[in-house]
Amino acid sequence: MDQRSQQFAPHVLAVHTGTPIKFPNSDNIRHQVYSFSPAKRFELRLYEGTPSDPVLFDKPGVVVLGCNIHDWMLGYVYVTDDPRFGVTDAQGKLTLDNLPVGVYQVTLWHPQLIDMQPLSAGSIKVPLSGLKQTFDLTLDPASTNIPTAPAPNTFGDAFKRAARETAQ
């Protein structure tokens, strides 16, 4: 789970229970990654580069990530015991290759689902020739109160200029 352009990348990462995850920081500034989620509570104090130890995600559930320094940074780790899972692409499509013939229970999740809880989508039957299936989700509107990256300001330049003038 990288940090690029002051965002988590990818925005959503799905992993199997017991997966260690590294949190490299590709930005040229420091981040302090944390989660208070019941599935995994942790904190990576201010750092640049890559912390030496990965974080072990050992319980299933949704883990919400934040940065103590940059409030607008949100990311998600979906930890599952299911043997088959994936994350959709930007168009909302997912391909599960080599899925054996059979009946499967489908669970869907999206950060904008009500209460952010996984949603059962029932079962699907995968025939010998494969299957294309569409699922629709009802999402809460994206919050307009989420802080965004602050606009650049000139306070620092003005402060330095005032300090130079005072020193003369």
C-alpha atoms as a PDB file:
ATOM      1  CA  MET A   1       0.000   0.000   0.000  1.00  0.00           C
ATOM      2  CA  ASP A   2       2.019   2.902  -1.337  1.00  0.00           C
ATOM      3  CA  GLN A   3       1.606   6.603  -0.659  1.00  0.00           C
ATOM      4  CA  ARG A   4       1.858   8.689  -3.818  1.00  0.00           C
ATOM      5  CA  SER A   5       0.815  12.292  -4.382  1.00  0.00           C
ATOM      6  CA  GLN A   6      -0.461  12.360  -0.804  1.00  0.00           C
ATOM      7  CA  GLN A   7      -2.921   9.506  -1.465  1.00  0.00           C
ATOM      8  CA  PHE A   8      -2.959   5.804  -0.702  1.00  0.00           C
ATOM      9  CA  ALA A   9      -2.302   3.723  -3.808  1.00  0.00           C
ATOM     10  CA  PRO A  10      -4.243   1.667  -4.455  1.00  0.00           C
ATOM     11  CA  HIS A  11      -7.263   3.282  -2.786  1.00  0.00           C
ATOM     12  CA  VAL A  12      -8.615  -0.203  -1.935  1.00  0.00           C
ATOM     13  CA  LEU A  13      -6.405  -3.251  -1.432  1.00  0.00           C
ATOM     14  CA  ALA A  14      -7.942  -6.714  -0.890  1.00  0.00           C
ATOM     15  CA  VAL A  15      -5.820  -9.386   0.793  1.00  0.00           C
ATOM     16  CA  HIS A  16      -6.231 -12.818   2.341  1.00  0.00           C
ATOM     17  CA  THR A  17      -6.156 -13.056   6.141  1.00  0.00           C
ATOM     18  CA  GLY A  18      -2.571 -13.484   7.320  1.00  0.00           C
ATOM     19  CA  THR A  19      -1.022 -11.259   4.646  1.00  0.00           C
ATOM     20  CA  PRO A  20       1.841  -8.930   5.628  1.00  0.00           C
ATOM     21  CA  ILE A  21       1.621  -5.544   3.898  1.00  0.00           C
ATOM     22  CA  LYS A  22       4.409  -3.052   3.374  1.00  0.00           C
ATOM     23  CA  PHE A  23       3.652   0.663   3.397  1.00  0.00           C
ATOM     24  CA  PRO A  24       6.251   2.374   1.202  1.00  0.00           C
ATOM     25  CA  ASN A  25       6.151   6.149   1.034  1.00  0.00           C
ATOM     26  CA  SER A  26       6.931   7.312  -2.502  1.00  0.00           C
ATOM     27  CA  ASP A  27       6.222  10.959  -1.634  1.00  0.00           C
ATOM     28  CA  ASN A  28       9.034  13.356  -0.845  1.00  0.00           C
ATOM     29  CA  ILE A  29       7.351  14.208   2.472  1.00  0.00           C
ATOM     30  CA  ARG A  30       6.820  12.160   5.611  1.00  0.00           C
ATOM     31  CA  HIS A  31       3.575  10.340   6.444  1.00  0.00           C
ATOM     32  CA  GLN A  32       2.253   8.787   9.655  1.00  0.00           C
ATOM     33  CA  VAL A  33      -0.047   5.905   8.706  1.00  0.00           C
ATOM     34  CA  TYR A  34      -2.528   4.546  11.227  1.00  0.00           C
ATOM     35  CA  SER A  35      -5.751   2.582  11.656  1.00  0.00           C
ATOM     36  CA  PHE A  36      -8.156   2.351  14.564  1.00  0.00           C
ATOM     37  CA  SER A  37     -10.222  -0.349  12.822  1.00  0.00           C
ATOM     38  CA  PRO A  38     -11.135  -3.410  14.943  1.00  0.00           C
ATOM     39  CA  ALA A  39      -9.696  -5.762  12.275  1.00  0.00           C
ATOM     40  CA  LYS A  40      -6.255  -4.118  12.619  1.00  0.00           C
ATOM     41  CA  ARG A  41      -5.086  -1.320  14.876  1.00  0.00           C
ATOM     42  CA  PHE A  42      -1.611  -0.001  14.163  1.00  0.00           C
ATOM     43  CA  GLU A  43       0.496   3.114  13.728  1.00  0.00           C
ATOM     44  CA  LEU A  44       3.574   3.764  11.621  1.00  0.00           C
ATOM     45  CA  ARG A  45       5.162   6.883  13.078  1.00  0.00           C
ATOM     46  CA  LEU A  46       6.421   9.645  10.774  1.00  0.00           C
ATOM     47  CA  TYR A  47       8.595   8.137   8.087  1.00  0.00           C
ATOM     48  CA  GLU A  48      10.019   8.483   4.606  1.00  0.00           C
ATOM     49  CA  GLY A  49      10.884   5.600   2.296  1.00  0.00           C
ATOM     50  CA  THR A  50       9.785   2.140   3.428  1.00  0.00           C
ATOM     51  CA  PRO A  51       9.446   1.025   7.042  1.00  0.00           C
ATOM     52  CA  SER A  52      11.516  -2.102   7.605  1.00  0.00           C
ATOM     53  CA  ASP A  53       8.736  -4.321   8.939  1.00  0.00           C
ATOM     54  CA  PRO A  54       5.475  -5.050   7.104  1.00  0.00           C
ATOM     55  CA  VAL A  55       2.196  -4.969   9.041  1.00  0.00           C
ATOM     56  CA  LEU A  56       0.491  -8.360   9.437  1.00  0.00           C
ATOM     57  CA  PHE A  57      -3.256  -8.301   8.670  1.00  0.00           C
ATOM     58  CA  ASP A  58      -4.314 -11.324  10.712  1.00  0.00           C
ATOM     59  CA  LYS A  59      -8.067 -10.765  11.180  1.00  0.00           C
ATOM     60  CA  PRO A  60     -10.758 -10.464   8.485  1.00  0.00           C
ATOM     61  CA  GLY A  61     -12.573  -7.150   8.150  1.00  0.00           C
ATOM     62  CA  VAL A  62     -12.376  -3.683   6.686  1.00  0.00           C
ATOM     63  CA  VAL A  63      -9.361  -1.642   7.757  1.00  0.00           C
ATOM     64  CA  VAL A  64      -9.632   2.112   7.232  1.00  0.00           C
ATOM     65  CA  LEU A  65      -6.259   3.811   6.796  1.00  0.00           C
ATOM     66  CA  GLY A  66      -5.426   7.415   7.551  1.00  0.00           C
ATOM     67  CA  CYS A  67      -2.452   9.722   7.848  1.00  0.00           C
ATOM     68  CA  ASN A  68      -2.108  11.801  11.015  1.00  0.00           C
ATOM     69  CA  ILE A  69      -0.406  14.552   9.025  1.00  0.00           C
ATOM     70  CA  HIS A  70      -2.664  14.679   5.944  1.00  0.00           C
ATOM     71  CA  ASP A  71      -6.331  14.398   6.986  1.00  0.00           C
ATOM     72  CA  TRP A  72      -7.597  13.962   3.426  1.00  0.00           C
ATOM     73  CA  MET A  73      -5.660  10.726   2.930  1.00  0.00           C
ATOM     74  CA  LEU A  74      -7.977   7.711   3.218  1.00  0.00           C
ATOM     75  CA  GLY A  75      -7.316   4.174   2.068  1.00  0.00           C
ATOM     76  CA  TYR A  76      -8.855   0.772   2.705  1.00  0.00           C
ATOM     77  CA  VAL A  77      -7.596  -2.765   3.194  1.00  0.00           C
ATOM     78  CA  TYR A  78     -10.277  -5.433   2.812  1.00  0.00           C
ATOM     79  CA  VAL A  79      -9.056  -8.547   4.642  1.00  0.00           C
ATOM     80  CA  THR A  80     -10.910 -11.781   3.832  1.00  0.00           C
ATOM     81  CA  ASP A  81     -10.841 -15.482   4.626  1.00  0.00           C
ATOM     82  CA  ASP A  82     -12.431 -16.230   1.242  1.00  0.00           C
ATOM     83  CA  PRO A  83     -10.157 -18.155  -1.143  1.00  0.00           C
ATOM     84  CA  ARG A  84     -11.291 -16.113  -4.195  1.00  0.00           C
ATOM     85  CA  PHE A  85     -11.552 -12.335  -4.151  1.00  0.00           C
ATOM     86  CA  GLY A  86     -10.535  -9.276  -6.118  1.00  0.00           C
ATOM     87  CA  VAL A  87     -10.834  -5.539  -6.596  1.00  0.00           C
ATOM     88  CA  THR A  88     -12.654  -4.040  -9.546  1.00  0.00           C
ATOM     89  CA  ASP A  89     -10.929  -1.797 -12.047  1.00  0.00           C
ATOM     90  CA  ALA A  90     -11.824   1.873 -12.628  1.00  0.00           C
ATOM     91  CA  GLN A  91     -14.839   0.787 -14.699  1.00  0.00           C
ATOM     92  CA  GLY A  92     -16.137  -1.475 -11.912  1.00  0.00           C
ATOM     93  CA  LYS A  93     -15.151  -4.719 -13.656  1.00  0.00           C
ATOM     94  CA  LEU A  94     -13.536  -7.762 -12.090  1.00  0.00           C
ATOM     95  CA  THR A  95     -12.328 -10.940 -13.769  1.00  0.00           C
ATOM     96  CA  LEU A  96     -11.782 -14.115 -11.779  1.00  0.00           C
ATOM     97  CA  ASP A  97      -9.881 -16.484 -14.057  1.00  0.00           C
ATOM     98  CA  ASN A  98      -9.938 -20.273 -13.723  1.00  0.00           C
ATOM     99  CA  LEU A  99     -12.988 -20.282 -11.477  1.00  0.00           C
ATOM    100  CA  PRO A 100     -14.088 -23.932 -11.268  1.00  0.00           C
ATOM    101  CA  VAL A 101     -17.645 -24.954 -12.115  1.00  0.00           C
ATOM    102  CA  GLY A 102     -19.816 -24.644  -9.019  1.00  0.00           C
ATOM    103  CA  VAL A 103     -22.046 -22.487  -6.860  1.00  0.00           C
ATOM    104  CA  TYR A 104     -20.438 -19.550  -5.054  1.00  0.00           C
ATOM    105  CA  GLN A 105     -21.614 -17.092  -2.420  1.00  0.00           C
ATOM    106  CA  VAL A 106     -20.884 -13.509  -3.481  1.00  0.00           C
ATOM    107  CA  THR A 107     -20.011 -10.710  -1.068  1.00  0.00           C
ATOM    108  CA  LEU A 108     -19.578  -7.129  -2.271  1.00  0.00           C
ATOM    109  CA  TRP A 109     -17.929  -4.194  -0.556  1.00  0.00           C
ATOM    110  CA  HIS A 110     -17.390  -0.521  -1.379  1.00  0.00           C
ATOM    111  CA  PRO A 111     -16.241   2.341   0.886  1.00  0.00           C
ATOM    112  CA  GLN A 112     -19.525   4.160   0.195  1.00  0.00           C
ATOM    113  CA  LEU A 113     -21.813   1.281   1.214  1.00  0.00           C
ATOM    114  CA  ILE A 114     -24.072   2.093   4.142  1.00  0.00           C
ATOM    115  CA  ASP A 115     -22.067   1.522   7.350  1.00  0.00           C
ATOM    116  CA  MET A 116     -19.167   0.296   5.145  1.00  0.00           C
ATOM    117  CA  GLN A 117     -20.249  -3.289   5.854  1.00  0.00           C
ATOM    118  CA  PRO A 118     -19.862  -6.134   3.316  1.00  0.00           C
ATOM    119  CA  LEU A 119     -23.078  -6.918   1.445  1.00  0.00           C
ATOM    120  CA  SER A 120     -24.251 -10.415   0.523  1.00  0.00           C
ATOM    121  CA  ALA A 121     -25.166 -10.561  -3.167  1.00  0.00           C
ATOM    122  CA  GLY A 122     -26.497 -14.119  -2.931  1.00  0.00           C
ATOM    123  CA  SER A 123     -25.130 -17.033  -4.880  1.00  0.00           C
ATOM    124  CA  ILE A 124     -24.091 -17.535  -8.476  1.00  0.00           C
ATOM    125  CA  LYS A 125     -23.725 -20.735 -10.429  1.00  0.00           C
ATOM    126  CA  VAL A 126     -20.643 -20.880 -12.627  1.00  0.00           C
ATOM    127  CA  PRO A 127     -21.208 -23.182 -15.615  1.00  0.00           C
ATOM    128  CA  LEU A 128     -18.544 -25.026 -17.586  1.00  0.00           C
ATOM    129  CA  SER A 129     -18.357 -22.264 -20.200  1.00  0.00           C
ATOM    130  CA  GLY A 130     -17.877 -19.449 -17.713  1.00  0.00           C
ATOM    131  CA  LEU A 131     -20.149 -16.660 -16.552  1.00  0.00           C
ATOM    132  CA  LYS A 132     -20.586 -12.918 -16.881  1.00  0.00           C
ATOM    133  CA  GLN A 133     -22.522 -11.421 -13.992  1.00  0.00           C
ATOM    134  CA  THR A 134     -23.521  -7.853 -13.154  1.00  0.00           C
ATOM    135  CA  PHE A 135     -24.167  -6.573  -9.635  1.00  0.00           C
ATOM    136  CA  ASP A 136     -25.625  -3.181  -8.755  1.00  0.00           C
ATOM    137  CA  LEU A 137     -24.770  -1.379  -5.526  1.00  0.00           C
ATOM    138  CA  THR A 138     -26.596   1.482  -3.858  1.00  0.00           C
ATOM    139  CA  LEU A 139     -23.958   3.823  -2.501  1.00  0.00           C
ATOM    140  CA  ASP A 140     -24.134   6.722  -0.105  1.00  0.00           C
ATOM    141  CA  PRO A 141     -23.150   9.937  -1.878  1.00  0.00           C
ATOM    142  CA  ALA A 142     -19.516  10.847  -1.438  1.00  0.00           C
ATOM    143  CA  SER A 143     -19.120  13.198   1.500  1.00  0.00           C
ATOM    144  CA  THR A 144     -18.487  16.801   0.605  1.00  0.00           C
ATOM    145  CA  ASN A 145     -16.967  17.341   4.062  1.00  0.00           C
ATOM    146  CA  ILE A 146     -13.843  15.289   3.378  1.00  0.00           C
ATOM    147  CA  PRO A 147     -10.853  17.595   3.684  1.00  0.00           C
ATOM    148  CA  THR A 148      -8.785  18.019   0.559  1.00  0.00           C
ATOM    149  CA  ALA A 149      -5.153  18.869   0.161  1.00  0.00           C
ATOM    150  CA  PRO A 150      -4.661  22.455   1.269  1.00  0.00           C
ATOM    151  CA  ALA A 151      -4.059  25.058  -1.386  1.00  0.00           C
ATOM    152  CA  PRO A 152      -0.514  26.367  -1.425  1.00  0.00           C
ATOM    153  CA  ASN A 153      -0.161  29.549   0.600  1.00  0.00           C
ATOM    154  CA  THR A 154       2.472  32.206   0.884  1.00  0.00           C
ATOM    155  CA  PHE A 155       2.617  32.362   4.687  1.00  0.00           C
ATOM    156  CA  GLY A 156       6.013  30.631   4.805  1.00  0.00           C
ATOM    157  CA  ASP A 157       7.502  33.037   2.249  1.00  0.00           C
ATOM    158  CA  ALA A 158       6.055  36.051   4.065  1.00  0.00           C
ATOM    159  CA  PHE A 159       7.401  34.766   7.391  1.00  0.00           C
ATOM    160  CA  LYS A 160      10.914  34.280   5.947  1.00  0.00           C
ATOM    161  CA  ARG A 161      10.829  37.746   4.351  1.00  0.00           C
ATOM    162  CA  ALA A 162       9.718  39.344   7.651  1.00  0.00           C
ATOM    163  CA  ALA A 163      12.443  37.482   9.547  1.00  0.00           C
ATOM    164  CA  ARG A 164      15.094  38.733   7.072  1.00  0.00           C
ATOM    165  CA  GLU A 165      13.842  42.328   7.292  1.00  0.00           C
ATOM    166  CA  THR A 166      13.795  42.185  11.105  1.00  0.00           C
ATOM    167  CA  ALA A 167      17.367  40.842  11.157  1.00  0.00           C
ATOM    168  CA  GLN A 168      18.671  43.813   9.118  1.00  0.00           C
END
